[in-house]
Amino acid sequence: MSRSVQVIVLAGGSSRRFGSDKLAAPLSDGLSVLDACLTGMPSAWPLVVVGPSRPVPAAVSERVRWVRESPPGGGPLAGVAAGLALVEAEVVCLVAGDTPGAGGVLPALVSALLADPALDAAVASDGEGRANPLLAAYRVEALRGAVPSPAAGVAARTLLTLPHVVVPAPAEARDVDTPADLAAMTRKS
């Protein structure tokens, strides 16, 4: 399974609600939010990070390929489109870079997807039980067909039109949107 799965990590947002670069914010053990996200990914899966290139921990640097969305800041689906250009696997997981615990839920999403050939996606639910299309596993060909061109400015929820199953995600798979979110995660780690 490992050779047929890749991960696209979306790291090009503006962090408006956070007030500064939340991906660089310290989380724990000397790791930033993005570093924790990347190092928590399943170790055999190649990573495509969409956003401005930045230093990453040595433990993952060999697995990371960088690409920019067009236009920069064009939104999550523009990032997905850019990332897909580097994906060679049959299954791809989408993860927002501000989700440090995402790697723990990805194997369950991939398993749920592969268990049913009628599905094109397995999507994690967020804290309120809503499907989160940016924490999900997709069949690559279906995802390529679902991403519009141009993709800039199109809502990520568009991806939920694909046949999918919703998989409950643990609290550890929540994202960091505000300084309060970061503080809550820091207390738990």
N, C-alpha and C. Protein backbone atom coordinates (compact mmCIF):
# COMPACT_ATOMS: atom_id res chain seq x y z
N MET A 1 0.83 -1.20 0.00
CA MET A 1 0.00 0.00 0.00
C MET A 1 0.87 1.26 0.00
N SER A 2 2.04 1.23 0.61
CA SER A 2 2.81 2.46 0.78
C SER A 2 3.23 3.09 -0.53
N ARG A 3 3.56 2.29 -1.56
CA ARG A 3 4.00 2.86 -2.83
C ARG A 3 2.84 3.47 -3.61
N SER A 4 1.63 3.08 -3.29
CA SER A 4 0.50 3.59 -4.04
C SER A 4 -0.21 4.75 -3.35
N VAL A 5 0.40 5.29 -2.28
CA VAL A 5 -0.19 6.41 -1.55
C VAL A 5 0.82 7.54 -1.45
N GLN A 6 0.35 8.76 -1.71
CA GLN A 6 1.13 9.97 -1.47
C GLN A 6 0.27 10.94 -0.67
N VAL A 7 0.90 11.95 -0.12
CA VAL A 7 0.19 12.95 0.67
C VAL A 7 0.47 14.34 0.11
N ILE A 8 -0.59 15.11 -0.08
CA ILE A 8 -0.46 16.53 -0.42
C ILE A 8 -0.75 17.31 0.85
N VAL A 9 0.22 18.10 1.27
CA VAL A 9 0.07 18.95 2.46
C VAL A 9 -0.07 20.39 1.97
N LEU A 10 -1.19 21.00 2.28
CA LEU A 10 -1.47 22.37 1.85
C LEU A 10 -0.89 23.34 2.87
N ALA A 11 0.10 24.13 2.42
CA ALA A 11 0.82 25.02 3.33
C ALA A 11 0.99 26.41 2.73
N GLY A 12 -0.03 26.88 2.01
CA GLY A 12 0.09 28.17 1.35
C GLY A 12 -0.88 29.22 1.82
N GLY A 13 -1.59 28.96 2.92
CA GLY A 13 -2.60 29.90 3.39
C GLY A 13 -2.00 31.15 4.02
N SER A 14 -2.88 32.10 4.33
CA SER A 14 -2.43 33.39 4.85
C SER A 14 -2.51 33.51 6.37
N SER A 15 -3.10 32.54 7.05
CA SER A 15 -3.19 32.55 8.53
C SER A 15 -3.92 33.78 9.06
N ARG A 16 -4.94 34.24 8.36
CA ARG A 16 -5.66 35.46 8.78
C ARG A 16 -6.21 35.36 10.20
N ARG A 17 -6.88 34.26 10.53
CA ARG A 17 -7.49 34.14 11.86
C ARG A 17 -6.43 33.98 12.95
N PHE A 18 -5.27 33.46 12.59
CA PHE A 18 -4.22 33.25 13.58
C PHE A 18 -3.48 34.54 13.89
N GLY A 19 -3.30 35.39 12.87
CA GLY A 19 -2.65 36.68 13.08
C GLY A 19 -1.17 36.70 12.72
N SER A 20 -0.57 35.54 12.52
CA SER A 20 0.82 35.43 12.08
C SER A 20 0.95 34.06 11.40
N ASP A 21 2.15 33.72 10.98
CA ASP A 21 2.37 32.45 10.28
C ASP A 21 2.16 31.28 11.22
N LYS A 22 0.95 30.72 11.22
CA LYS A 22 0.64 29.64 12.16
C LYS A 22 1.45 28.38 11.88
N LEU A 23 1.86 28.16 10.64
CA LEU A 23 2.63 26.96 10.33
C LEU A 23 4.00 26.99 11.00
N ALA A 24 4.53 28.19 11.26
CA ALA A 24 5.83 28.34 11.92
C ALA A 24 5.70 28.42 13.44
N ALA A 25 4.48 28.50 13.94
CA ALA A 25 4.28 28.62 15.39
C ALA A 25 4.81 27.39 16.11
N PRO A 26 5.51 27.58 17.23
CA PRO A 26 6.03 26.43 17.97
C PRO A 26 4.91 25.62 18.61
N LEU A 27 5.01 24.30 18.48
CA LEU A 27 3.99 23.42 19.05
C LEU A 27 4.55 22.65 20.23
N SER A 28 5.52 21.78 19.97
CA SER A 28 6.13 21.00 21.05
C SER A 28 7.42 20.37 20.56
N ASP A 29 8.28 20.03 21.51
CA ASP A 29 9.55 19.36 21.20
C ASP A 29 10.36 20.10 20.14
N GLY A 30 10.27 21.42 20.11
CA GLY A 30 11.02 22.21 19.15
C GLY A 30 10.47 22.17 17.75
N LEU A 31 9.31 21.57 17.57
CA LEU A 31 8.70 21.48 16.24
C LEU A 31 7.65 22.56 16.06
N SER A 32 7.59 23.09 14.84
CA SER A 32 6.51 24.02 14.49
C SER A 32 5.27 23.21 14.16
N VAL A 33 4.16 23.89 13.95
CA VAL A 33 2.92 23.23 13.56
C VAL A 33 3.13 22.42 12.28
N LEU A 34 3.75 23.04 11.26
CA LEU A 34 3.99 22.32 10.00
C LEU A 34 4.97 21.17 10.20
N ASP A 35 6.03 21.38 10.97
CA ASP A 35 6.99 20.31 11.21
C ASP A 35 6.31 19.11 11.86
N ALA A 36 5.45 19.35 12.85
CA ALA A 36 4.73 18.27 13.52
C ALA A 36 3.81 17.54 12.54
N CYS A 37 3.17 18.30 11.66
CA CYS A 37 2.32 17.69 10.64
C CYS A 37 3.14 16.76 9.75
N LEU A 38 4.25 17.26 9.23
CA LEU A 38 5.06 16.48 8.30
C LEU A 38 5.70 15.27 8.96
N THR A 39 6.25 15.43 10.16
CA THR A 39 6.91 14.30 10.81
C THR A 39 5.91 13.25 11.30
N GLY A 40 4.65 13.62 11.43
CA GLY A 40 3.63 12.68 11.86
C GLY A 40 3.02 11.85 10.73
N MET A 41 3.42 12.12 9.50
CA MET A 41 2.89 11.37 8.36
C MET A 41 3.46 9.95 8.33
N PRO A 42 2.68 8.98 7.81
CA PRO A 42 3.22 7.63 7.65
C PRO A 42 4.56 7.68 6.91
N SER A 43 5.56 7.03 7.45
CA SER A 43 6.94 7.20 6.99
C SER A 43 7.22 6.71 5.57
N ALA A 44 6.40 5.84 5.03
CA ALA A 44 6.66 5.32 3.69
C ALA A 44 5.99 6.15 2.60
N TRP A 45 5.19 7.12 2.97
CA TRP A 45 4.42 7.87 1.98
C TRP A 45 5.16 9.15 1.58
N PRO A 46 5.41 9.33 0.27
CA PRO A 46 6.02 10.59 -0.19
C PRO A 46 5.09 11.78 0.06
N LEU A 47 5.71 12.93 0.30
CA LEU A 47 4.97 14.15 0.64
C LEU A 47 5.16 15.22 -0.42
N VAL A 48 4.06 15.82 -0.85
CA VAL A 48 4.09 16.98 -1.73
C VAL A 48 3.56 18.13 -0.88
N VAL A 49 4.39 19.14 -0.66
CA VAL A 49 3.96 20.28 0.16
C VAL A 49 3.73 21.46 -0.78
N VAL A 50 2.52 22.01 -0.70
CA VAL A 50 2.14 23.13 -1.56
C VAL A 50 2.21 24.41 -0.75
N GLY A 51 3.13 25.27 -1.14
CA GLY A 51 3.31 26.54 -0.44
C GLY A 51 4.74 27.00 -0.62
N PRO A 52 5.08 28.13 -0.01
CA PRO A 52 6.45 28.61 -0.12
C PRO A 52 7.40 27.64 0.58
N SER A 53 8.51 27.33 -0.07
CA SER A 53 9.49 26.40 0.48
C SER A 53 10.05 26.96 1.78
N ARG A 54 10.25 26.09 2.74
CA ARG A 54 10.82 26.46 4.04
C ARG A 54 11.59 25.27 4.58
N PRO A 55 12.49 25.49 5.52
CA PRO A 55 13.21 24.36 6.10
C PRO A 55 12.25 23.41 6.82
N VAL A 56 12.55 22.12 6.72
CA VAL A 56 11.76 21.09 7.41
C VAL A 56 12.73 20.16 8.13
N PRO A 57 12.24 19.41 9.10
CA PRO A 57 13.13 18.51 9.83
C PRO A 57 13.83 17.51 8.90
N ALA A 58 15.07 17.19 9.24
CA ALA A 58 15.85 16.25 8.44
C ALA A 58 15.15 14.91 8.28
N ALA A 59 14.37 14.51 9.28
CA ALA A 59 13.68 13.22 9.24
C ALA A 59 12.72 13.10 8.05
N VAL A 60 12.25 14.22 7.52
CA VAL A 60 11.30 14.17 6.39
C VAL A 60 11.81 14.86 5.14
N SER A 61 12.94 15.54 5.22
CA SER A 61 13.37 16.38 4.09
C SER A 61 13.55 15.60 2.80
N GLU A 62 13.98 14.35 2.87
CA GLU A 62 14.16 13.53 1.66
C GLU A 62 12.84 13.13 1.02
N ARG A 63 11.76 13.15 1.79
CA ARG A 63 10.44 12.73 1.29
C ARG A 63 9.61 13.89 0.76
N VAL A 64 10.07 15.12 0.96
CA VAL A 64 9.27 16.30 0.63
C VAL A 64 9.65 16.86 -0.74
N ARG A 65 8.61 17.11 -1.55
CA ARG A 65 8.77 17.88 -2.80
C ARG A 65 7.88 19.11 -2.65
N TRP A 66 8.41 20.27 -3.04
CA TRP A 66 7.69 21.53 -2.90
C TRP A 66 7.12 21.97 -4.24
N VAL A 67 5.96 22.60 -4.19
CA VAL A 67 5.33 23.19 -5.37
C VAL A 67 4.49 24.37 -4.88
N ARG A 68 4.26 25.34 -5.75
CA ARG A 68 3.42 26.49 -5.42
C ARG A 68 2.11 26.42 -6.18
N GLU A 69 1.06 26.86 -5.53
CA GLU A 69 -0.24 26.95 -6.19
C GLU A 69 -0.24 28.16 -7.12
N SER A 70 -1.13 28.14 -8.10
CA SER A 70 -1.23 29.25 -9.04
C SER A 70 -2.67 29.74 -9.06
N PRO A 71 -2.84 31.01 -8.71
CA PRO A 71 -1.85 31.96 -8.21
C PRO A 71 -1.54 31.68 -6.75
N PRO A 72 -0.37 32.15 -6.27
CA PRO A 72 -0.08 32.01 -4.83
C PRO A 72 -1.22 32.62 -4.02
N GLY A 73 -1.68 31.89 -3.02
CA GLY A 73 -2.81 32.35 -2.22
C GLY A 73 -4.14 32.09 -2.88
N GLY A 74 -4.16 31.26 -3.93
CA GLY A 74 -5.38 30.99 -4.69
C GLY A 74 -6.38 30.08 -4.01
N GLY A 75 -6.06 29.63 -2.81
CA GLY A 75 -6.99 28.80 -2.06
C GLY A 75 -6.65 27.32 -2.11
N PRO A 76 -7.36 26.55 -1.30
CA PRO A 76 -7.04 25.13 -1.17
C PRO A 76 -7.13 24.34 -2.48
N LEU A 77 -8.14 24.59 -3.29
CA LEU A 77 -8.25 23.79 -4.52
C LEU A 77 -7.15 24.15 -5.52
N ALA A 78 -6.69 25.39 -5.52
CA ALA A 78 -5.53 25.73 -6.35
C ALA A 78 -4.31 24.96 -5.85
N GLY A 79 -4.21 24.81 -4.54
CA GLY A 79 -3.13 24.01 -3.96
C GLY A 79 -3.24 22.55 -4.32
N VAL A 80 -4.45 22.02 -4.28
CA VAL A 80 -4.67 20.62 -4.66
C VAL A 80 -4.27 20.41 -6.11
N ALA A 81 -4.69 21.32 -6.99
CA ALA A 81 -4.34 21.20 -8.41
C ALA A 81 -2.83 21.20 -8.60
N ALA A 82 -2.12 22.08 -7.91
CA ALA A 82 -0.66 22.13 -8.02
C ALA A 82 -0.03 20.85 -7.49
N GLY A 83 -0.51 20.38 -6.36
CA GLY A 83 0.03 19.16 -5.77
C GLY A 83 -0.20 17.94 -6.63
N LEU A 84 -1.39 17.85 -7.23
CA LEU A 84 -1.71 16.70 -8.08
C LEU A 84 -0.75 16.56 -9.25
N ALA A 85 -0.17 17.66 -9.70
CA ALA A 85 0.77 17.60 -10.83
C ALA A 85 2.01 16.78 -10.46
N LEU A 86 2.30 16.61 -9.16
CA LEU A 86 3.47 15.85 -8.73
C LEU A 86 3.12 14.46 -8.19
N VAL A 87 1.85 14.12 -8.16
CA VAL A 87 1.41 12.85 -7.60
C VAL A 87 1.46 11.76 -8.66
N GLU A 88 2.08 10.64 -8.29
CA GLU A 88 2.19 9.48 -9.19
C GLU A 88 1.48 8.26 -8.62
N ALA A 89 0.90 8.38 -7.45
CA ALA A 89 0.26 7.25 -6.78
C ALA A 89 -1.18 7.07 -7.25
N GLU A 90 -1.78 5.98 -6.81
CA GLU A 90 -3.19 5.71 -7.10
C GLU A 90 -4.12 6.36 -6.09
N VAL A 91 -3.60 6.57 -4.87
CA VAL A 91 -4.37 7.19 -3.79
C VAL A 91 -3.56 8.36 -3.26
N VAL A 92 -4.25 9.45 -2.98
CA VAL A 92 -3.59 10.62 -2.39
C VAL A 92 -4.40 11.08 -1.19
N CYS A 93 -3.70 11.44 -0.15
CA CYS A 93 -4.34 12.02 1.02
C CYS A 93 -4.14 13.52 0.98
N LEU A 94 -5.17 14.27 1.29
CA LEU A 94 -5.08 15.73 1.42
C LEU A 94 -5.06 16.07 2.89
N VAL A 95 -4.14 16.97 3.24
CA VAL A 95 -4.00 17.40 4.63
C VAL A 95 -3.69 18.89 4.63
N ALA A 96 -4.35 19.63 5.49
CA ALA A 96 -3.99 21.02 5.71
C ALA A 96 -2.75 21.03 6.60
N GLY A 97 -1.77 21.87 6.27
CA GLY A 97 -0.52 21.93 7.01
C GLY A 97 -0.68 22.37 8.46
N ASP A 98 -1.84 22.90 8.80
CA ASP A 98 -2.09 23.34 10.18
C ASP A 98 -2.76 22.25 11.01
N THR A 99 -2.64 21.00 10.56
CA THR A 99 -3.25 19.86 11.25
C THR A 99 -2.14 18.93 11.72
N PRO A 100 -1.49 19.26 12.84
CA PRO A 100 -0.31 18.51 13.25
C PRO A 100 -0.55 17.03 13.52
N GLY A 101 -1.75 16.63 13.91
CA GLY A 101 -2.03 15.23 14.21
C GLY A 101 -2.67 14.46 13.07
N ALA A 102 -2.67 15.02 11.88
CA ALA A 102 -3.36 14.40 10.75
C ALA A 102 -2.82 13.02 10.38
N GLY A 103 -1.52 12.84 10.50
CA GLY A 103 -0.91 11.59 10.07
C GLY A 103 -1.49 10.37 10.76
N GLY A 104 -1.97 10.52 11.97
CA GLY A 104 -2.53 9.40 12.70
C GLY A 104 -3.84 8.88 12.15
N VAL A 105 -4.59 9.71 11.45
CA VAL A 105 -5.89 9.29 10.91
C VAL A 105 -5.80 8.83 9.45
N LEU A 106 -4.71 9.17 8.76
CA LEU A 106 -4.63 8.85 7.33
C LEU A 106 -4.70 7.36 7.01
N PRO A 107 -4.01 6.48 7.74
CA PRO A 107 -4.14 5.05 7.41
C PRO A 107 -5.59 4.54 7.48
N ALA A 108 -6.36 5.02 8.45
CA ALA A 108 -7.76 4.61 8.55
C ALA A 108 -8.57 5.14 7.36
N LEU A 109 -8.26 6.35 6.91
CA LEU A 109 -8.96 6.90 5.75
C LEU A 109 -8.63 6.09 4.49
N VAL A 110 -7.37 5.76 4.30
CA VAL A 110 -6.97 4.96 3.14
C VAL A 110 -7.63 3.59 3.19
N SER A 111 -7.66 2.97 4.36
CA SER A 111 -8.30 1.65 4.49
C SER A 111 -9.79 1.73 4.17
N ALA A 112 -10.46 2.77 4.66
CA ALA A 112 -11.89 2.93 4.39
C ALA A 112 -12.14 3.13 2.90
N LEU A 113 -11.28 3.89 2.24
CA LEU A 113 -11.41 4.12 0.81
C LEU A 113 -11.22 2.81 0.03
N LEU A 114 -10.15 2.10 0.34
CA LEU A 114 -9.83 0.89 -0.41
C LEU A 114 -10.79 -0.26 -0.13
N ALA A 115 -11.54 -0.19 0.97
CA ALA A 115 -12.49 -1.24 1.32
C ALA A 115 -13.71 -1.25 0.42
N ASP A 116 -13.97 -0.15 -0.27
CA ASP A 116 -15.18 -0.05 -1.10
C ASP A 116 -14.83 0.54 -2.46
N PRO A 117 -14.79 -0.30 -3.51
CA PRO A 117 -14.42 0.20 -4.83
C PRO A 117 -15.39 1.22 -5.42
N ALA A 118 -16.59 1.35 -4.84
CA ALA A 118 -17.55 2.34 -5.32
C ALA A 118 -17.25 3.74 -4.82
N LEU A 119 -16.35 3.85 -3.84
CA LEU A 119 -16.02 5.15 -3.27
C LEU A 119 -14.87 5.80 -4.01
N ASP A 120 -14.91 7.13 -4.08
CA ASP A 120 -13.79 7.91 -4.60
C ASP A 120 -13.04 8.63 -3.49
N ALA A 121 -13.63 8.65 -2.28
CA ALA A 121 -13.00 9.37 -1.17
C ALA A 121 -13.43 8.80 0.17
N ALA A 122 -12.56 8.94 1.14
CA ALA A 122 -12.87 8.71 2.55
C ALA A 122 -12.47 10.00 3.25
N VAL A 123 -13.42 10.64 3.88
CA VAL A 123 -13.27 12.00 4.39
C VAL A 123 -13.44 11.99 5.91
N ALA A 124 -12.51 12.60 6.62
CA ALA A 124 -12.62 12.70 8.07
C ALA A 124 -13.69 13.71 8.45
N SER A 125 -14.33 13.46 9.58
CA SER A 125 -15.26 14.46 10.10
C SER A 125 -14.50 15.39 11.03
N ASP A 126 -14.94 16.64 11.07
CA ASP A 126 -14.30 17.60 11.97
C ASP A 126 -14.94 17.49 13.35
N GLY A 127 -14.57 18.39 14.23
CA GLY A 127 -15.06 18.34 15.61
C GLY A 127 -16.57 18.45 15.75
N GLU A 128 -17.23 19.01 14.75
CA GLU A 128 -18.70 19.15 14.79
C GLU A 128 -19.40 18.08 13.96
N GLY A 129 -18.65 17.09 13.47
CA GLY A 129 -19.26 16.01 12.70
C GLY A 129 -19.42 16.30 11.21
N ARG A 130 -18.90 17.43 10.74
CA ARG A 130 -18.98 17.77 9.31
C ARG A 130 -17.82 17.14 8.56
N ALA A 131 -18.08 16.75 7.33
CA ALA A 131 -17.03 16.18 6.49
C ALA A 131 -16.00 17.25 6.16
N ASN A 132 -14.72 16.92 6.31
CA ASN A 132 -13.62 17.85 6.04
C ASN A 132 -12.88 17.37 4.79
N PRO A 133 -13.12 17.98 3.63
CA PRO A 133 -12.48 17.51 2.40
C PRO A 133 -10.98 17.71 2.37
N LEU A 134 -10.43 18.44 3.34
CA LEU A 134 -8.98 18.67 3.40
C LEU A 134 -8.30 17.79 4.44
N LEU A 135 -9.00 16.78 4.91
CA LEU A 135 -8.42 15.70 5.70
C LEU A 135 -9.10 14.44 5.19
N ALA A 136 -8.54 13.93 4.09
CA ALA A 136 -9.23 12.87 3.36
C ALA A 136 -8.27 12.07 2.49
N ALA A 137 -8.73 10.89 2.08
CA ALA A 137 -8.02 10.07 1.11
C ALA A 137 -8.88 9.99 -0.15
N TYR A 138 -8.26 10.14 -1.31
CA TYR A 138 -8.97 10.16 -2.59
C TYR A 138 -8.32 9.21 -3.59
N ARG A 139 -9.13 8.66 -4.47
CA ARG A 139 -8.58 7.99 -5.64
C ARG A 139 -8.10 9.12 -6.56
N VAL A 140 -6.87 9.04 -6.99
CA VAL A 140 -6.23 10.16 -7.70
C VAL A 140 -6.99 10.54 -8.96
N GLU A 141 -7.37 9.57 -9.76
CA GLU A 141 -8.06 9.92 -11.02
C GLU A 141 -9.39 10.62 -10.75
N ALA A 142 -10.12 10.19 -9.75
CA ALA A 142 -11.39 10.85 -9.41
C ALA A 142 -11.14 12.27 -8.92
N LEU A 143 -10.11 12.44 -8.10
CA LEU A 143 -9.79 13.78 -7.59
C LEU A 143 -9.39 14.70 -8.74
N ARG A 144 -8.57 14.20 -9.64
CA ARG A 144 -8.19 15.04 -10.80
C ARG A 144 -9.43 15.48 -11.58
N GLY A 145 -10.40 14.61 -11.72
CA GLY A 145 -11.63 14.95 -12.43
C GLY A 145 -12.51 15.93 -11.68
N ALA A 146 -12.39 15.97 -10.36
CA ALA A 146 -13.25 16.83 -9.54
C ALA A 146 -12.68 18.23 -9.33
N VAL A 147 -11.38 18.41 -9.54
CA VAL A 147 -10.77 19.73 -9.33
C VAL A 147 -10.98 20.55 -10.60
N PRO A 148 -11.71 21.67 -10.48
CA PRO A 148 -11.98 22.49 -11.66
C PRO A 148 -10.73 23.21 -12.15
N SER A 149 -10.79 23.65 -13.39
CA SER A 149 -9.71 24.46 -13.94
C SER A 149 -10.33 25.71 -14.54
N PRO A 150 -9.98 26.87 -14.03
CA PRO A 150 -9.05 27.12 -12.93
C PRO A 150 -9.68 26.78 -11.59
N ALA A 151 -8.82 26.46 -10.63
CA ALA A 151 -9.28 26.04 -9.30
C ALA A 151 -9.25 27.16 -8.28
N ALA A 152 -8.55 28.24 -8.57
CA ALA A 152 -8.40 29.34 -7.61
C ALA A 152 -9.76 29.88 -7.20
N GLY A 153 -9.94 30.03 -5.90
CA GLY A 153 -11.15 30.63 -5.37
C GLY A 153 -12.35 29.70 -5.26
N VAL A 154 -12.24 28.46 -5.73
CA VAL A 154 -13.34 27.50 -5.65
C VAL A 154 -13.30 26.84 -4.27
N ALA A 155 -14.45 26.69 -3.64
CA ALA A 155 -14.52 26.12 -2.29
C ALA A 155 -14.09 24.65 -2.29
N ALA A 156 -13.33 24.28 -1.28
CA ALA A 156 -12.86 22.89 -1.15
C ALA A 156 -14.02 21.92 -0.97
N ARG A 157 -15.14 22.39 -0.44
CA ARG A 157 -16.30 21.51 -0.24
C ARG A 157 -16.82 20.95 -1.55
N THR A 158 -16.39 21.53 -2.68
CA THR A 158 -16.74 21.00 -4.00
C THR A 158 -16.35 19.53 -4.11
N LEU A 159 -15.27 19.15 -3.44
CA LEU A 159 -14.78 17.78 -3.51
C LEU A 159 -15.75 16.79 -2.88
N LEU A 160 -16.66 17.27 -2.05
CA LEU A 160 -17.63 16.39 -1.41
C LEU A 160 -18.70 15.90 -2.37
N THR A 161 -18.67 16.34 -3.63
CA THR A 161 -19.58 15.80 -4.63
C THR A 161 -19.15 14.41 -5.07
N LEU A 162 -17.90 14.04 -4.80
CA LEU A 162 -17.42 12.70 -5.12
C LEU A 162 -18.08 11.68 -4.17
N PRO A 163 -18.37 10.47 -4.65
CA PRO A 163 -18.88 9.43 -3.74
C PRO A 163 -17.87 9.20 -2.62
N HIS A 164 -18.32 9.37 -1.37
CA HIS A 164 -17.40 9.28 -0.24
C HIS A 164 -18.07 8.68 0.99
N VAL A 165 -17.22 8.28 1.92
CA VAL A 165 -17.65 7.85 3.24
C VAL A 165 -17.02 8.82 4.24
N VAL A 166 -17.76 9.11 5.30
CA VAL A 166 -17.24 9.98 6.35
C VAL A 166 -16.74 9.11 7.50
N VAL A 167 -15.50 9.36 7.90
CA VAL A 167 -14.86 8.60 8.97
C VAL A 167 -14.63 9.53 10.16
N PRO A 168 -15.14 9.18 11.34
CA PRO A 168 -14.91 10.05 12.50
C PRO A 168 -13.42 10.18 12.78
N ALA A 169 -12.99 11.40 13.00
CA ALA A 169 -11.58 11.67 13.29
C ALA A 169 -11.41 11.95 14.78
N PRO A 170 -10.31 11.49 15.36
CA PRO A 170 -10.08 11.79 16.77
C PRO A 170 -9.77 13.27 16.97
N ALA A 171 -9.91 13.74 18.19
CA ALA A 171 -9.65 15.15 18.50
C ALA A 171 -8.23 15.55 18.13
N GLU A 172 -7.28 14.61 18.15
CA GLU A 172 -5.89 14.91 17.82
C GLU A 172 -5.72 15.35 16.37
N ALA A 173 -6.71 15.10 15.54
CA ALA A 173 -6.63 15.45 14.12
C ALA A 173 -7.25 16.81 13.81
N ARG A 174 -7.43 17.63 14.82
CA ARG A 174 -7.99 18.97 14.60
C ARG A 174 -6.91 19.92 14.10
N ASP A 175 -7.37 20.99 13.46
CA ASP A 175 -6.42 21.96 12.91
C ASP A 175 -6.23 23.14 13.86
N VAL A 176 -5.23 23.95 13.54
CA VAL A 176 -4.92 25.15 14.32
C VAL A 176 -5.38 26.36 13.50
N ASP A 177 -6.44 26.99 13.96
CA ASP A 177 -6.93 28.19 13.28
C ASP A 177 -6.64 29.46 14.06
N THR A 178 -6.59 29.34 15.38
CA THR A 178 -6.44 30.52 16.24
C THR A 178 -5.35 30.26 17.28
N PRO A 179 -4.84 31.32 17.91
CA PRO A 179 -3.89 31.11 19.01
C PRO A 179 -4.47 30.23 20.13
N ALA A 180 -5.78 30.32 20.36
CA ALA A 180 -6.41 29.47 21.38
C ALA A 180 -6.33 27.99 21.00
N ASP A 181 -6.50 27.69 19.70
CA ASP A 181 -6.36 26.30 19.23
C ASP A 181 -4.95 25.79 19.51
N LEU A 182 -3.96 26.63 19.21
CA LEU A 182 -2.56 26.24 19.44
C LEU A 182 -2.30 26.03 20.93
N ALA A 183 -2.82 26.92 21.76
CA ALA A 183 -2.62 26.78 23.20
C ALA A 183 -3.24 25.49 23.70
N ALA A 184 -4.42 25.13 23.20
CA ALA A 184 -5.07 23.89 23.62
C ALA A 184 -4.24 22.68 23.22
N MET A 185 -3.67 22.70 22.02
CA MET A 185 -2.82 21.58 21.58
C MET A 185 -1.53 21.51 22.36
N THR A 186 -0.97 22.66 22.67
CA THR A 186 0.28 22.69 23.42
C THR A 186 0.09 22.12 24.83
N ARG A 187 -1.06 22.40 25.44
CA ARG A 187 -1.37 21.86 26.78
C ARG A 187 -1.47 20.34 26.73
N LYS A 188 -1.98 19.78 25.62
CA LYS A 188 -2.19 18.34 25.52
C LYS A 188 -0.91 17.59 25.19
N SER A 189 0.08 18.26 24.60
CA SER A 189 1.29 17.54 24.17
C SER A 189 2.34 17.47 25.25
